[in-house]
Amino acid sequence: MTDAVTRAAALLKEHRQSIDRLDAILVYTLAERFKHTQSVGRLKAEHELPPSDPARESQQIERLERLAREADLDPEFARKFLNFVISEVIRHHVQHQK
């Protein structure tokens, strides 16, 4: 192997290790987030509140889009991601209502 290929392989390995660490951070962060949303779901069920809060969801989407732009991330991707997360949260909240 040439020196350039060896350096490229080392850089690739470093990038992949960083990606793996970030993936773990994402998973644990999502788990923590869902712990809180589950508590919200239980509170809503106890007080007979609707599982969905469209005004809050809209605010969160706007906030996440702004953060995405600040972080140089595609706001459309951020919106899709948050919509996916919100749909999971609502699904869990509905289960608590039963």
Protein backbone atom coordinates (compact mmCIF):
# COMPACT_ATOMS: atom_id res chain seq x y z
CA MET A 1 0.00 0.00 0.00
CA THR A 2 1.16 3.50 -0.74
CA ASP A 3 1.50 6.09 2.00
CA ALA A 4 -1.53 7.97 0.62
CA VAL A 5 -3.69 4.84 0.75
CA THR A 6 -2.47 4.05 4.27
CA ARG A 7 -3.31 7.60 5.41
CA ALA A 8 -6.70 7.41 3.72
CA ALA A 9 -7.44 4.09 5.44
CA ALA A 10 -6.47 5.58 8.82
CA LEU A 11 -8.70 8.62 8.22
CA LEU A 12 -11.56 6.40 7.12
CA LYS A 13 -11.18 4.38 10.33
CA GLU A 14 -11.24 7.57 12.44
CA HIS A 15 -14.35 8.85 10.68
CA ARG A 16 -16.10 5.53 11.15
CA GLN A 17 -15.20 5.46 14.85
CA SER A 18 -16.65 8.97 15.22
CA ILE A 19 -19.80 7.91 13.38
CA ASP A 20 -20.16 4.90 15.68
CA ARG A 21 -19.80 7.11 18.79
CA LEU A 22 -22.34 9.60 17.43
CA ASP A 23 -24.78 6.79 16.60
CA ALA A 24 -24.54 5.61 20.21
CA ILE A 25 -25.13 9.16 21.44
CA LEU A 26 -28.21 9.43 19.21
CA VAL A 27 -29.66 6.16 20.48
CA TYR A 28 -29.11 6.99 24.15
CA THR A 29 -30.40 10.54 23.64
CA LEU A 30 -33.56 9.23 21.95
CA ALA A 31 -34.03 6.74 24.79
CA GLU A 32 -33.79 9.57 27.33
CA ARG A 33 -36.21 11.69 25.30
CA PHE A 34 -38.72 8.84 25.16
CA LYS A 35 -38.50 8.38 28.94
CA HIS A 36 -39.69 11.96 29.31
CA THR A 37 -42.38 11.70 26.65
CA GLN A 38 -43.67 8.53 28.31
CA SER A 39 -44.02 10.48 31.55
CA VAL A 40 -45.90 13.16 29.61
CA GLY A 41 -48.14 10.46 28.16
CA ARG A 42 -48.95 9.11 31.62
CA LEU A 43 -49.76 12.62 32.87
CA LYS A 44 -52.00 13.25 29.89
CA ALA A 45 -53.80 9.96 30.45
CA GLU A 46 -54.25 10.63 34.18
CA HIS A 47 -55.75 14.04 33.45
CA GLU A 48 -57.70 12.96 30.36
CA LEU A 49 -55.77 15.28 28.06
CA PRO A 50 -55.54 14.52 24.34
CA PRO A 51 -52.48 12.51 23.29
CA SER A 52 -51.60 15.05 20.60
CA ASP A 53 -50.84 18.76 21.05
CA PRO A 54 -50.71 20.26 17.54
CA ALA A 55 -49.68 23.73 18.75
CA ARG A 56 -46.71 22.31 20.70
CA GLU A 57 -45.77 20.05 17.79
CA SER A 58 -45.79 23.01 15.40
CA GLN A 59 -43.58 25.03 17.75
CA GLN A 60 -41.16 22.14 18.07
CA ILE A 61 -40.95 21.68 14.31
CA GLU A 62 -40.22 25.39 13.81
CA ARG A 63 -37.61 25.27 16.56
CA LEU A 64 -35.92 22.18 15.13
CA GLU A 65 -35.88 23.68 11.62
CA ARG A 66 -34.18 26.80 13.02
CA LEU A 67 -31.64 24.69 14.90
CA ALA A 68 -31.02 22.64 11.76
CA ARG A 69 -30.30 25.78 9.73
CA GLU A 70 -27.93 26.99 12.46
CA ALA A 71 -26.17 23.62 12.41
CA ASP A 72 -25.97 23.58 8.61
CA LEU A 73 -28.35 20.61 8.43
CA ASP A 74 -31.18 20.32 5.93
CA PRO A 75 -34.29 21.69 7.70
CA GLU A 76 -36.50 19.38 5.65
CA PHE A 77 -34.60 16.38 7.03
CA ALA A 78 -34.96 17.78 10.56
CA ARG A 79 -38.71 18.24 10.03
CA LYS A 80 -39.13 14.69 8.73
CA PHE A 81 -37.10 13.32 11.63
CA LEU A 82 -39.10 15.22 14.25
CA ASN A 83 -42.40 14.25 12.60
CA PHE A 84 -41.33 10.62 12.83
CA VAL A 85 -40.40 11.02 16.50
CA ILE A 86 -43.65 12.85 17.26
CA SER A 87 -45.72 10.12 15.59
CA GLU A 88 -44.01 7.54 17.82
CA VAL A 89 -44.63 9.66 20.91
CA ILE A 90 -48.32 10.06 20.04
CA ARG A 91 -48.59 6.33 19.43
CA HIS A 92 -47.22 5.73 22.94
CA HIS A 93 -49.55 8.38 24.41
CA VAL A 94 -52.55 6.71 22.78
CA GLN A 95 -51.50 3.41 24.35
CA HIS A 96 -51.50 5.08 27.78
CA GLN A 97 -55.03 6.34 27.15
CA LYS A 98 -56.33 2.78 26.93
